N, C-alpha and C. Protein backbone atom coordinates (compact mmCIF):
# COMPACT_ATOMS: atom_id res chain seq x y z
N MET A 1 0.70 -1.27 -0.26
CA MET A 1 0.11 -0.35 -0.30
C MET A 1 0.72 1.17 0.05
N GLU A 2 0.70 2.19 -1.15
CA GLU A 2 1.03 3.37 -0.66
C GLU A 2 0.52 5.01 -0.41
N ILE A 3 1.14 5.88 -0.08
CA ILE A 3 -0.19 6.70 0.71
C ILE A 3 1.10 7.85 0.29
N VAL A 4 -0.59 8.52 -0.17
CA VAL A 4 0.17 9.66 -1.28
C VAL A 4 -0.59 11.11 -0.75
N ALA A 5 -0.25 11.96 -0.62
CA ALA A 5 -0.44 13.27 -0.18
C ALA A 5 -1.32 13.93 -1.15
N GLU A 6 -2.46 14.32 -1.22
CA GLU A 6 -3.18 15.06 -1.22
C GLU A 6 -3.04 16.15 -2.46
N ALA A 7 -3.55 15.99 -3.79
CA ALA A 7 -3.46 16.98 -4.50
C ALA A 7 -3.88 18.38 -4.07
N GLN A 8 -3.15 19.44 -3.64
CA GLN A 8 -3.87 20.45 -3.55
C GLN A 8 -4.20 21.50 -4.72
N ALA A 9 -5.29 21.95 -4.94
CA ALA A 9 -5.19 22.86 -6.08
C ALA A 9 -4.78 24.58 -5.58
N PRO A 10 -4.22 24.96 -6.90
CA PRO A 10 -3.51 26.02 -6.66
C PRO A 10 -4.30 27.70 -6.24
N VAL A 11 -3.96 28.35 -5.09
CA VAL A 11 -4.58 29.72 -4.77
C VAL A 11 -4.58 30.02 -5.96
N ALA A 12 -5.52 30.77 -6.39
CA ALA A 12 -5.77 31.38 -7.46
C ALA A 12 -5.39 33.29 -6.69
N ALA A 13 -5.09 33.78 -8.12
CA ALA A 13 -4.84 35.22 -7.04
C ALA A 13 -5.74 36.02 -7.52
N PRO A 14 -6.13 36.93 -6.90
CA PRO A 14 -6.80 37.84 -6.48
C PRO A 14 -7.45 38.79 -8.01
N VAL A 15 -8.72 38.78 -8.15
CA VAL A 15 -8.02 39.49 -9.83
C VAL A 15 -8.43 40.95 -9.43
N ALA A 16 -7.59 41.91 -9.95
CA ALA A 16 -7.83 43.36 -10.00
C ALA A 16 -8.50 43.67 -10.59
N GLU A 17 -9.42 44.61 -9.37
CA GLU A 17 -10.23 45.81 -9.88
C GLU A 17 -9.91 46.76 -10.63
N SER A 18 -10.25 46.90 -11.81
CA SER A 18 -9.56 48.27 -12.29
C SER A 18 -10.71 49.68 -11.63
N HIS A 19 -9.50 50.63 -11.80
CA HIS A 19 -10.38 51.92 -10.66
C HIS A 19 -9.58 52.89 -11.80
N LEU A 20 -10.38 53.79 -11.90
CA LEU A 20 -10.34 54.88 -12.48
C LEU A 20 -10.67 56.34 -11.58
N GLU A 21 -9.67 57.23 -11.85
CA GLU A 21 -10.54 58.40 -11.10
C GLU A 21 -10.08 59.98 -11.61
N ILE A 22 -10.44 60.67 -12.76
CA ILE A 22 -10.51 62.36 -13.20
C ILE A 22 -11.09 63.09 -12.45
N GLU A 23 -10.33 63.75 -12.24
CA GLU A 23 -10.77 65.20 -11.15
C GLU A 23 -11.00 66.36 -12.33
N LEU A 24 -11.61 66.77 -12.81
CA LEU A 24 -12.32 67.59 -13.66
C LEU A 24 -12.27 69.10 -13.19
N ALA A 25 -12.34 70.52 -14.38
CA ALA A 25 -12.76 71.20 -13.63
C ALA A 25 -13.49 71.44 -13.13
N GLY A 26 -13.57 73.08 -11.91
CA GLY A 26 -14.64 72.90 -10.82
C GLY A 26 -14.29 72.57 -10.18
N GLY A 27 -13.38 71.63 -9.81
CA GLY A 27 -13.33 70.44 -8.76
C GLY A 27 -14.31 69.25 -8.71
N HIS A 28 -15.17 68.69 -10.06
CA HIS A 28 -15.91 67.62 -9.85
C HIS A 28 -15.11 66.71 -10.20
N ARG A 29 -15.05 65.55 -9.83
CA ARG A 29 -14.63 63.89 -10.17
C ARG A 29 -15.39 62.95 -10.99
N MET A 30 -14.20 62.43 -11.13
CA MET A 30 -15.00 61.20 -11.89
C MET A 30 -14.85 59.87 -11.61
N ARG A 31 -15.65 58.87 -11.20
CA ARG A 31 -14.62 57.75 -10.67
C ARG A 31 -15.48 56.40 -11.89
N ILE A 32 -14.37 55.65 -11.91
CA ILE A 32 -14.84 54.36 -13.19
C ILE A 32 -14.34 53.55 -12.53
N SER A 33 -15.29 52.30 -12.62
CA SER A 33 -14.88 50.82 -12.38
C SER A 33 -14.72 50.36 -13.19
N GLY A 34 -14.71 48.96 -13.09
CA GLY A 34 -14.37 47.80 -14.36
C GLY A 34 -13.62 49.25 -15.81
N SER A 35 -14.14 48.00 -17.08
CA SER A 35 -13.71 48.01 -17.89
C SER A 35 -14.71 49.63 -18.60
N TYR A 36 -14.13 50.11 -19.69
CA TYR A 36 -14.48 50.90 -20.16
C TYR A 36 -13.94 51.05 -21.55
N ASP A 37 -14.58 52.03 -22.05
CA ASP A 37 -14.06 52.49 -23.73
C ASP A 37 -13.69 53.81 -23.77
N PRO A 38 -11.62 53.56 -23.62
CA PRO A 38 -11.49 55.31 -23.43
C PRO A 38 -11.83 56.04 -24.66
N GLU A 39 -12.33 56.04 -25.93
CA GLU A 39 -12.97 56.57 -26.35
C GLU A 39 -14.46 57.10 -26.49
N ALA A 40 -15.10 56.80 -25.92
CA ALA A 40 -16.44 56.77 -25.54
C ALA A 40 -16.03 57.50 -24.30
N LEU A 41 -15.34 57.29 -23.17
CA LEU A 41 -15.05 58.15 -21.80
C LEU A 41 -14.95 59.62 -22.35
N ALA A 42 -13.65 59.37 -23.35
CA ALA A 42 -13.14 61.07 -24.09
C ALA A 42 -14.21 61.71 -24.41
N ARG A 43 -14.92 61.10 -24.99
CA ARG A 43 -15.87 62.29 -25.54
C ARG A 43 -17.50 62.68 -24.35
N LEU A 44 -16.97 61.70 -23.63
CA LEU A 44 -18.27 61.82 -22.76
C LEU A 44 -16.97 63.05 -21.37
N ILE A 45 -15.87 63.20 -21.14
CA ILE A 45 -15.45 63.87 -20.38
C ILE A 45 -15.35 65.76 -21.40
N ARG A 46 -15.41 65.41 -22.67
CA ARG A 46 -15.27 66.51 -23.54
C ARG A 46 -16.60 67.04 -23.51
N GLY A 47 -17.77 66.45 -23.34
CA GLY A 47 -18.83 66.97 -23.12
C GLY A 47 -19.58 67.64 -21.71
N LEU A 48 -18.80 66.81 -20.85
CA LEU A 48 -19.05 67.75 -19.40
C LEU A 48 -17.97 68.87 -19.46
N THR A 49 -17.40 69.41 -20.12
CA THR A 49 -15.92 70.00 -19.46
C THR A 49 -16.60 71.21 -20.68
N ALA A 50 -17.39 71.06 -21.52
CA ALA A 50 -17.79 72.20 -22.71
C ALA A 50 -18.77 73.10 -22.42
């Protein structure tokens, strides 16, 4: 009879959350979490600061 240690599953590394914070004119701040479309974000910022 042979005794074999149980194989342990590798510990998964935590998934890094994507966070972005942009300070706009007038002291306004925009916070984005997760994925985003850079072009859409640029259009939104231009619209907010126009």
